[in-house]
């Protein structure tokens, strides 16, 4: 299960999922609720705890018993929550640029708040929309600015077009709270765990990654050279090879079951 991070979508995995070896790995990339092309219910809950429940429901709908859950920043927080509260559904987690232990709201969301104040007029008028907010965050999330050109920023910002889209993006940001981690006991996580960060990650430091791995039994830390936070953008082939090598083999109860055929 491939989970994107804040402000991105399944588009993030476009060069990783196809590179995974068929027959050894079955990959599903889903848009977290309120992100990408997923639903935006008016009374929807978009916090980490709620997102973990939605992911488990998606696994049930896809008839996946257990999975290795791979998440980037917000997606990593969701994977942690799911592994801690529903251990029977998770046999491995890969945490790419995860939050610090006990802290779900990282410096990226604090930066988003400052950008909100700077670009308030553009956002409210719909002139630049979410691109004005997401652009600086996305650019800092890759190893080199040229890896995140304006056209790519626009593609990521497309689900949040116009003033309503900007308001929804702010709603998603406000939904991420440290409270969702208060009942998560990292020491009780039984899933095989890999903490992964890019060499040039501006948001998750080497110390942060080590601190989190130390809090999770038998977790390991690896670093991807010449990559930032968005390893799927900076090093998709290297990430696909790592996941294919690290993920445990499929078992009968893990793989999606074929739906019964119906006569026309």
C-alpha atoms as a PDB file:
ATOM      1  CA  UNK A   1       0.000   0.000   0.000  1.00  0.00           C
ATOM      2  CA  UNK A   2       1.605   3.230  -1.186  1.00  0.00           C
ATOM      3  CA  UNK A   3       0.553   6.356   0.722  1.00  0.00           C
ATOM      4  CA  UNK A   4       1.486   9.832  -0.453  1.00  0.00           C
ATOM      5  CA  UNK A   5       2.165  12.776   1.828  1.00  0.00           C
ATOM      6  CA  UNK A   6       0.638  16.162   2.486  1.00  0.00           C
ATOM      7  CA  UNK A   7      -0.150  18.170  -0.635  1.00  0.00           C
ATOM      8  CA  UNK A   8       0.591  15.319  -3.023  1.00  0.00           C
ATOM      9  CA  UNK A   9      -1.409  12.358  -4.327  1.00  0.00           C
ATOM     10  CA  UNK A  10      -1.043   8.958  -5.981  1.00  0.00           C
ATOM     11  CA  UNK A  11       0.674  10.844  -8.817  1.00  0.00           C
ATOM     12  CA  UNK A  12       3.748  10.720  -6.565  1.00  0.00           C
ATOM     13  CA  UNK A  13       4.072   6.964  -7.213  1.00  0.00           C
ATOM     14  CA  UNK A  14       3.784   7.113 -11.027  1.00  0.00           C
ATOM     15  CA  UNK A  15       7.396   6.011 -11.581  1.00  0.00           C
ATOM     16  CA  UNK A  16       7.743   3.701  -8.561  1.00  0.00           C
ATOM     17  CA  UNK A  17       4.760   1.344  -8.786  1.00  0.00           C
ATOM     18  CA  UNK A  18       5.389   0.311 -12.440  1.00  0.00           C
ATOM     19  CA  UNK A  19       9.023  -0.457 -11.584  1.00  0.00           C
ATOM     20  CA  UNK A  20       8.105  -3.000  -8.899  1.00  0.00           C
ATOM     21  CA  UNK A  21       8.491  -6.628 -10.020  1.00  0.00           C
ATOM     22  CA  UNK A  22       5.190  -8.197 -11.050  1.00  0.00           C
ATOM     23  CA  UNK A  23       4.570 -11.525  -9.359  1.00  0.00           C
ATOM     24  CA  UNK A  24       6.626 -10.611  -6.317  1.00  0.00           C
ATOM     25  CA  UNK A  25       4.866  -7.391  -5.327  1.00  0.00           C
ATOM     26  CA  UNK A  26       1.273  -6.283  -5.801  1.00  0.00           C
ATOM     27  CA  UNK A  27       1.146  -2.521  -5.302  1.00  0.00           C
ATOM     28  CA  UNK A  28      -1.837  -0.300  -4.596  1.00  0.00           C
ATOM     29  CA  UNK A  29      -1.511   3.482  -4.445  1.00  0.00           C
ATOM     30  CA  UNK A  30      -4.500   5.299  -2.962  1.00  0.00           C
ATOM     31  CA  UNK A  31      -5.410   8.935  -2.450  1.00  0.00           C
ATOM     32  CA  UNK A  32      -5.911   9.712   1.223  1.00  0.00           C
ATOM     33  CA  UNK A  33      -9.367  11.061   1.976  1.00  0.00           C
ATOM     34  CA  UNK A  34      -9.666  14.670   0.831  1.00  0.00           C
ATOM     35  CA  UNK A  35      -6.530  14.463  -1.300  1.00  0.00           C
ATOM     36  CA  UNK A  36      -6.091  13.934  -5.025  1.00  0.00           C
ATOM     37  CA  UNK A  37      -9.225  12.484  -6.590  1.00  0.00           C
ATOM     38  CA  UNK A  38     -10.701  11.062  -3.378  1.00  0.00           C
ATOM     39  CA  UNK A  39     -13.972  12.230  -1.846  1.00  0.00           C
ATOM     40  CA  UNK A  40     -14.296  15.414   0.204  1.00  0.00           C
ATOM     41  CA  UNK A  41     -17.267  14.809   2.486  1.00  0.00           C
ATOM     42  CA  UNK A  42     -18.479  17.960   4.228  1.00  0.00           C
ATOM     43  CA  UNK A  43     -18.436  16.257   7.603  1.00  0.00           C
ATOM     44  CA  UNK A  44     -15.352  14.200   6.821  1.00  0.00           C
ATOM     45  CA  UNK A  45     -12.497  13.651   9.258  1.00  0.00           C
ATOM     46  CA  UNK A  46      -9.092  14.148   7.677  1.00  0.00           C
ATOM     47  CA  UNK A  47      -6.734  13.674  10.625  1.00  0.00           C
ATOM     48  CA  UNK A  48      -4.163  10.904  10.944  1.00  0.00           C
ATOM     49  CA  UNK A  49      -6.382   8.636  13.038  1.00  0.00           C
ATOM     50  CA  UNK A  50      -9.244   8.942  10.562  1.00  0.00           C
ATOM     51  CA  UNK A  51      -6.942   8.416   7.582  1.00  0.00           C
ATOM     52  CA  UNK A  52      -5.631   5.195   9.148  1.00  0.00           C
ATOM     53  CA  UNK A  53      -9.212   3.937   9.436  1.00  0.00           C
ATOM     54  CA  UNK A  54      -9.901   4.862   5.808  1.00  0.00           C
ATOM     55  CA  UNK A  55      -6.796   2.991   4.661  1.00  0.00           C
ATOM     56  CA  UNK A  56      -7.868  -0.106   6.555  1.00  0.00           C
ATOM     57  CA  UNK A  57     -11.324   0.134   4.984  1.00  0.00           C
ATOM     58  CA  UNK A  58      -9.700   0.437   1.556  1.00  0.00           C
ATOM     59  CA  UNK A  59      -7.677  -2.714   2.283  1.00  0.00           C
ATOM     60  CA  UNK A  60     -10.883  -4.519   3.215  1.00  0.00           C
ATOM     61  CA  UNK A  61     -12.590  -3.339   0.030  1.00  0.00           C
ATOM     62  CA  UNK A  62      -9.614  -4.538  -1.996  1.00  0.00           C
ATOM     63  CA  UNK A  63      -9.643  -7.855  -0.102  1.00  0.00           C
ATOM     64  CA  UNK A  64      -6.143  -7.382   1.250  1.00  0.00           C
ATOM     65  CA  UNK A  65      -5.596  -9.221   4.510  1.00  0.00           C
ATOM     66  CA  UNK A  66      -2.207  -7.768   5.411  1.00  0.00           C
ATOM     67  CA  UNK A  67       0.125  -5.398   3.661  1.00  0.00           C
ATOM     68  CA  UNK A  68       3.423  -3.623   3.775  1.00  0.00           C
ATOM     69  CA  UNK A  69       2.452   0.032   4.061  1.00  0.00           C
ATOM     70  CA  UNK A  70       4.813   2.596   2.543  1.00  0.00           C
ATOM     71  CA  UNK A  71       4.167   6.225   3.450  1.00  0.00           C
ATOM     72  CA  UNK A  72       5.774   9.606   2.816  1.00  0.00           C
ATOM     73  CA  UNK A  73       5.597  12.287   5.567  1.00  0.00           C
ATOM     74  CA  UNK A  74       1.830  12.399   6.327  1.00  0.00           C
ATOM     75  CA  UNK A  75       1.477   8.947   4.786  1.00  0.00           C
ATOM     76  CA  UNK A  76       4.240   7.717   7.095  1.00  0.00           C
ATOM     77  CA  UNK A  77       2.320   9.043  10.097  1.00  0.00           C
ATOM     78  CA  UNK A  78      -0.783   7.191   8.880  1.00  0.00           C
ATOM     79  CA  UNK A  79       1.248   4.005   8.427  1.00  0.00           C
ATOM     80  CA  UNK A  80       2.597   4.331  11.984  1.00  0.00           C
ATOM     81  CA  UNK A  81      -0.891   4.805  13.385  1.00  0.00           C
ATOM     82  CA  UNK A  82      -2.228   1.827  11.450  1.00  0.00           C
ATOM     83  CA  UNK A  83       0.637  -0.452  12.527  1.00  0.00           C
ATOM     84  CA  UNK A  84       0.196   0.540  16.166  1.00  0.00           C
ATOM     85  CA  UNK A  85      -3.594   0.217  16.344  1.00  0.00           C
ATOM     86  CA  UNK A  86      -4.283  -2.571  13.821  1.00  0.00           C
ATOM     87  CA  UNK A  87      -1.165  -4.768  13.930  1.00  0.00           C
ATOM     88  CA  UNK A  88      -2.930  -7.770  12.378  1.00  0.00           C
ATOM     89  CA  UNK A  89      -3.335  -5.832   9.121  1.00  0.00           C
ATOM     90  CA  UNK A  90       0.281  -4.731   8.767  1.00  0.00           C
ATOM     91  CA  UNK A  91       3.350  -6.926   8.419  1.00  0.00           C
ATOM     92  CA  UNK A  92       5.729  -4.167   7.392  1.00  0.00           C
ATOM     93  CA  UNK A  93       5.985  -0.378   7.279  1.00  0.00           C
ATOM     94  CA  UNK A  94       8.379   1.798   5.296  1.00  0.00           C
ATOM     95  CA  UNK A  95       8.441   5.306   6.732  1.00  0.00           C
ATOM     96  CA  UNK A  96       9.831   7.879   4.292  1.00  0.00           C
ATOM     97  CA  UNK A  97      10.643  11.221   5.926  1.00  0.00           C
ATOM     98  CA  UNK A  98       8.410  10.424   8.922  1.00  0.00           C
ATOM     99  CA  UNK A  99       7.462  12.847  11.698  1.00  0.00           C
ATOM    100  CA  UNK A 100       9.331  12.919  14.978  1.00  0.00           C
ATOM    101  CA  UNK A 101       8.035  10.646  17.745  1.00  0.00           C
ATOM    102  CA  UNK A 102       4.967  12.196  19.345  1.00  0.00           C
ATOM    103  CA  UNK A 103       4.842  15.065  16.882  1.00  0.00           C
ATOM    104  CA  UNK A 104       2.553  14.806  13.865  1.00  0.00           C
ATOM    105  CA  UNK A 105       2.653  18.467  12.868  1.00  0.00           C
ATOM    106  CA  UNK A 106       6.114  19.030  11.490  1.00  0.00           C
ATOM    107  CA  UNK A 107       7.987  22.086  10.298  1.00  0.00           C
ATOM    108  CA  UNK A 108       6.403  21.721   6.861  1.00  0.00           C
ATOM    109  CA  UNK A 109       2.928  22.546   8.155  1.00  0.00           C
ATOM    110  CA  UNK A 110       4.348  25.417  10.195  1.00  0.00           C
ATOM    111  CA  UNK A 111       5.914  26.709   6.992  1.00  0.00           C
ATOM    112  CA  UNK A 112       2.563  26.332   5.230  1.00  0.00           C
ATOM    113  CA  UNK A 113       1.032  28.618   7.857  1.00  0.00           C
ATOM    114  CA  UNK A 114       3.610  31.306   7.121  1.00  0.00           C
ATOM    115  CA  UNK A 115       3.027  30.952   3.380  1.00  0.00           C
ATOM    116  CA  UNK A 116      -0.708  31.282   3.981  1.00  0.00           C
ATOM    117  CA  UNK A 117      -0.210  34.721   5.496  1.00  0.00           C
ATOM    118  CA  UNK A 118       2.153  35.781   2.707  1.00  0.00           C
ATOM    119  CA  UNK A 119      -0.123  34.680  -0.135  1.00  0.00           C
ATOM    120  CA  UNK A 120      -3.487  35.383   1.489  1.00  0.00           C
ATOM    121  CA  UNK A 121      -4.679  37.710  -1.291  1.00  0.00           C
ATOM    122  CA  UNK A 122      -3.677  35.390  -4.126  1.00  0.00           C
ATOM    123  CA  UNK A 123      -5.295  32.448  -2.369  1.00  0.00           C
ATOM    124  CA  UNK A 124      -8.570  34.187  -1.546  1.00  0.00           C
ATOM    125  CA  UNK A 125      -8.921  35.574  -5.061  1.00  0.00           C
ATOM    126  CA  UNK A 126      -8.001  32.310  -6.716  1.00  0.00           C
ATOM    127  CA  UNK A 127      -5.247  34.000  -8.755  1.00  0.00           C
ATOM    128  CA  UNK A 128      -2.523  31.489  -7.954  1.00  0.00           C
ATOM    129  CA  UNK A 129      -4.441  29.165  -5.701  1.00  0.00           C
ATOM    130  CA  UNK A 130      -2.712  26.319  -3.930  1.00  0.00           C
ATOM    131  CA  UNK A 131       0.381  26.502  -6.132  1.00  0.00           C
ATOM    132  CA  UNK A 132       1.477  29.611  -4.234  1.00  0.00           C
ATOM    133  CA  UNK A 133       1.450  27.575  -1.008  1.00  0.00           C
ATOM    134  CA  UNK A 134       2.572  24.183  -2.214  1.00  0.00           C
ATOM    135  CA  UNK A 135       5.294  25.408  -4.549  1.00  0.00           C
ATOM    136  CA  UNK A 136       7.846  26.377  -1.858  1.00  0.00           C
ATOM    137  CA  UNK A 137       7.097  23.235   0.188  1.00  0.00           C
ATOM    138  CA  UNK A 138       7.445  20.925  -2.811  1.00  0.00           C
ATOM    139  CA  UNK A 139      10.616  22.637  -3.991  1.00  0.00           C
ATOM    140  CA  UNK A 140      12.221  22.152  -0.575  1.00  0.00           C
ATOM    141  CA  UNK A 141      11.160  18.509  -0.665  1.00  0.00           C
ATOM    142  CA  UNK A 142      13.399  17.534  -3.593  1.00  0.00           C
ATOM    143  CA  UNK A 143      17.173  17.485  -3.768  1.00  0.00           C
ATOM    144  CA  UNK A 144      17.447  20.273  -6.367  1.00  0.00           C
ATOM    145  CA  UNK A 145      14.955  23.022  -7.332  1.00  0.00           C
ATOM    146  CA  UNK A 146      15.033  22.016 -10.999  1.00  0.00           C
ATOM    147  CA  UNK A 147      13.520  18.675 -10.024  1.00  0.00           C
ATOM    148  CA  UNK A 148      10.294  20.509  -9.117  1.00  0.00           C
ATOM    149  CA  UNK A 149       9.527  22.824 -12.078  1.00  0.00           C
ATOM    150  CA  UNK A 150       6.438  25.015 -12.160  1.00  0.00           C
ATOM    151  CA  UNK A 151       4.554  22.540 -14.373  1.00  0.00           C
ATOM    152  CA  UNK A 152       5.068  19.765 -11.824  1.00  0.00           C
ATOM    153  CA  UNK A 153       3.963  22.022  -8.970  1.00  0.00           C
ATOM    154  CA  UNK A 154       0.844  22.842 -10.986  1.00  0.00           C
ATOM    155  CA  UNK A 155       0.126  19.123 -11.428  1.00  0.00           C
ATOM    156  CA  UNK A 156       0.301  18.511  -7.681  1.00  0.00           C
ATOM    157  CA  UNK A 157      -1.765  21.635  -6.962  1.00  0.00           C
ATOM    158  CA  UNK A 158      -4.437  20.765  -9.561  1.00  0.00           C
ATOM    159  CA  UNK A 159      -6.805  19.049  -7.058  1.00  0.00           C
ATOM    160  CA  UNK A 160      -6.874  22.290  -5.048  1.00  0.00           C
ATOM    161  CA  UNK A 161      -7.725  24.697  -7.860  1.00  0.00           C
ATOM    162  CA  UNK A 162      -9.553  27.946  -7.065  1.00  0.00           C
ATOM    163  CA  UNK A 163     -10.464  29.565  -3.757  1.00  0.00           C
ATOM    164  CA  UNK A 164     -12.466  26.522  -2.594  1.00  0.00           C
ATOM    165  CA  UNK A 165      -9.508  24.265  -3.260  1.00  0.00           C
ATOM    166  CA  UNK A 166      -7.254  26.501  -1.212  1.00  0.00           C
ATOM    167  CA  UNK A 167      -9.718  26.473   1.667  1.00  0.00           C
ATOM    168  CA  UNK A 168      -9.854  22.683   1.492  1.00  0.00           C
ATOM    169  CA  UNK A 169      -6.050  22.459   1.540  1.00  0.00           C
ATOM    170  CA  UNK A 170      -6.012  24.578   4.681  1.00  0.00           C
ATOM    171  CA  UNK A 171      -8.678  22.310   6.194  1.00  0.00           C
ATOM    172  CA  UNK A 172      -6.459  19.295   5.508  1.00  0.00           C
ATOM    173  CA  UNK A 173      -3.494  21.024   7.138  1.00  0.00           C
ATOM    174  CA  UNK A 174      -5.504  21.981  10.228  1.00  0.00           C
ATOM    175  CA  UNK A 175      -6.732  18.385  10.596  1.00  0.00           C
ATOM    176  CA  UNK A 176      -3.208  17.117  11.301  1.00  0.00           C
ATOM    177  CA  UNK A 177      -2.676  17.316  15.058  1.00  0.00           C
ATOM    178  CA  UNK A 178      -0.233  15.844  17.534  1.00  0.00           C
ATOM    179  CA  UNK A 179      -3.210  14.418  19.449  1.00  0.00           C
ATOM    180  CA  UNK A 180      -3.513  11.588  16.922  1.00  0.00           C
ATOM    181  CA  UNK A 181      -0.205  10.221  18.242  1.00  0.00           C
ATOM    182  CA  UNK A 182      -0.995  10.476  21.950  1.00  0.00           C
ATOM    183  CA  UNK A 183      -2.325   6.913  22.162  1.00  0.00           C
ATOM    184  CA  UNK A 184       0.267   5.415  19.798  1.00  0.00           C
ATOM    185  CA  UNK A 185       2.799   3.280  21.671  1.00  0.00           C
ATOM    186  CA  UNK A 186       5.707   2.912  19.249  1.00  0.00           C
ATOM    187  CA  UNK A 187       7.278   0.297  21.502  1.00  0.00           C
ATOM    188  CA  UNK A 188       4.387  -2.094  20.806  1.00  0.00           C
ATOM    189  CA  UNK A 189       4.660  -2.009  17.028  1.00  0.00           C
ATOM    190  CA  UNK A 190       5.319  -5.547  15.803  1.00  0.00           C
ATOM    191  CA  UNK A 191       5.534  -4.842  12.079  1.00  0.00           C
ATOM    192  CA  UNK A 192       8.905  -5.001  10.400  1.00  0.00           C
ATOM    193  CA  UNK A 193       9.949  -1.345  10.115  1.00  0.00           C
ATOM    194  CA  UNK A 194      12.244   0.610   7.830  1.00  0.00           C
ATOM    195  CA  UNK A 195      12.830   4.325   8.408  1.00  0.00           C
ATOM    196  CA  UNK A 196      13.973   5.889   5.167  1.00  0.00           C
ATOM    197  CA  UNK A 197      15.198   9.404   4.457  1.00  0.00           C
ATOM    198  CA  UNK A 198      16.859  11.144   1.550  1.00  0.00           C
ATOM    199  CA  UNK A 199      20.373  12.448   1.955  1.00  0.00           C
ATOM    200  CA  UNK A 200      19.153  16.005   1.345  1.00  0.00           C
ATOM    201  CA  UNK A 201      15.868  15.781   3.264  1.00  0.00           C
ATOM    202  CA  UNK A 202      15.153  19.286   4.562  1.00  0.00           C
ATOM    203  CA  UNK A 203      12.376  18.181   6.906  1.00  0.00           C
ATOM    204  CA  UNK A 204      13.465  14.908   8.536  1.00  0.00           C
ATOM    205  CA  UNK A 205      17.008  15.031   9.899  1.00  0.00           C
ATOM    206  CA  UNK A 206      19.260  12.044  10.448  1.00  0.00           C
ATOM    207  CA  UNK A 207      18.761  12.495  14.200  1.00  0.00           C
ATOM    208  CA  UNK A 208      14.968  12.500  13.757  1.00  0.00           C
ATOM    209  CA  UNK A 209      15.079   9.250  11.766  1.00  0.00           C
ATOM    210  CA  UNK A 210      17.359   7.599  14.321  1.00  0.00           C
ATOM    211  CA  UNK A 211      15.191   8.726  17.233  1.00  0.00           C
ATOM    212  CA  UNK A 212      12.091   7.222  15.645  1.00  0.00           C
ATOM    213  CA  UNK A 213      13.820   3.962  14.730  1.00  0.00           C
ATOM    214  CA  UNK A 214      15.133   3.642  18.285  1.00  0.00           C
ATOM    215  CA  UNK A 215      11.588   3.897  19.643  1.00  0.00           C
ATOM    216  CA  UNK A 216      10.318   1.049  17.421  1.00  0.00           C
ATOM    217  CA  UNK A 217      11.509  -2.500  18.172  1.00  0.00           C
ATOM    218  CA  UNK A 218      13.900  -3.916  15.576  1.00  0.00           C
ATOM    219  CA  UNK A 219      13.491  -0.945  13.223  1.00  0.00           C
ATOM    220  CA  UNK A 220      16.299  -0.059  10.853  1.00  0.00           C
ATOM    221  CA  UNK A 221      17.335   3.221   9.230  1.00  0.00           C
ATOM    222  CA  UNK A 222      18.545   3.679   5.673  1.00  0.00           C
ATOM    223  CA  UNK A 223      19.505   6.704   3.630  1.00  0.00           C
ATOM    224  CA  UNK A 224      18.984   7.247  -0.101  1.00  0.00           C
ATOM    225  CA  UNK A 225      21.807   9.296  -1.666  1.00  0.00           C
ATOM    226  CA  UNK A 226      21.120  12.420  -3.739  1.00  0.00           C
ATOM    227  CA  UNK A 227      17.449  12.539  -2.747  1.00  0.00           C
ATOM    228  CA  UNK A 228      15.274  14.862  -0.692  1.00  0.00           C
ATOM    229  CA  UNK A 229      12.047  14.115   1.153  1.00  0.00           C
ATOM    230  CA  UNK A 230      10.207  13.125  -2.013  1.00  0.00           C
ATOM    231  CA  UNK A 231      12.325  10.065  -2.776  1.00  0.00           C
ATOM    232  CA  UNK A 232       9.693   8.840  -5.281  1.00  0.00           C
ATOM    233  CA  UNK A 233      10.458  11.983  -7.319  1.00  0.00           C
ATOM    234  CA  UNK A 234      14.234  12.099  -6.859  1.00  0.00           C
ATOM    235  CA  UNK A 235      15.119   8.391  -6.978  1.00  0.00           C
ATOM    236  CA  UNK A 236      12.130   6.294  -8.160  1.00  0.00           C
ATOM    237  CA  UNK A 237      14.185   3.392  -9.535  1.00  0.00           C
ATOM    238  CA  UNK A 238      16.343   3.136  -6.427  1.00  0.00           C
ATOM    239  CA  UNK A 239      13.248   3.243  -4.214  1.00  0.00           C
ATOM    240  CA  UNK A 240      11.458   0.577  -6.272  1.00  0.00           C
ATOM    241  CA  UNK A 241      14.478  -1.714  -6.068  1.00  0.00           C
ATOM    242  CA  UNK A 242      14.750  -1.176  -2.315  1.00  0.00           C
ATOM    243  CA  UNK A 243      11.052  -1.898  -1.747  1.00  0.00           C
ATOM    244  CA  UNK A 244      11.132  -5.018  -3.907  1.00  0.00           C
ATOM    245  CA  UNK A 245      14.114  -6.330  -1.954  1.00  0.00           C
ATOM    246  CA  UNK A 246      12.837  -5.341   1.486  1.00  0.00           C
ATOM    247  CA  UNK A 247       9.126  -6.211   1.295  1.00  0.00           C
ATOM    248  CA  UNK A 248       8.274  -9.701   2.543  1.00  0.00           C
ATOM    249  CA  UNK A 249       6.930 -12.164  -0.055  1.00  0.00           C
ATOM    250  CA  UNK A 250       3.211 -12.358  -0.704  1.00  0.00           C
ATOM    251  CA  UNK A 251       1.192 -15.006   1.106  1.00  0.00           C
ATOM    252  CA  UNK A 252      -2.231 -16.300   0.230  1.00  0.00           C
ATOM    253  CA  UNK A 253      -3.916 -14.183   2.881  1.00  0.00           C
ATOM    254  CA  UNK A 254      -2.136 -11.010   1.818  1.00  0.00           C
ATOM    255  CA  UNK A 255      -2.776 -10.931  -1.919  1.00  0.00           C
ATOM    256  CA  UNK A 256      -6.056  -9.488  -3.232  1.00  0.00           C
ATOM    257  CA  UNK A 257      -8.492 -12.242  -4.151  1.00  0.00           C
ATOM    258  CA  UNK A 258     -10.099 -12.246  -7.566  1.00  0.00           C
ATOM    259  CA  UNK A 259     -13.737 -11.217  -7.499  1.00  0.00           C
ATOM    260  CA  UNK A 260     -16.184 -13.937  -8.587  1.00  0.00           C
ATOM    261  CA  UNK A 261     -17.255 -13.761 -12.207  1.00  0.00           C
ATOM    262  CA  UNK A 262     -20.875 -13.018 -12.973  1.00  0.00           C
ATOM    263  CA  UNK A 263     -22.678 -14.159 -16.082  1.00  0.00           C
ATOM    264  CA  UNK A 264     -24.052 -11.272 -18.153  1.00  0.00           C
END
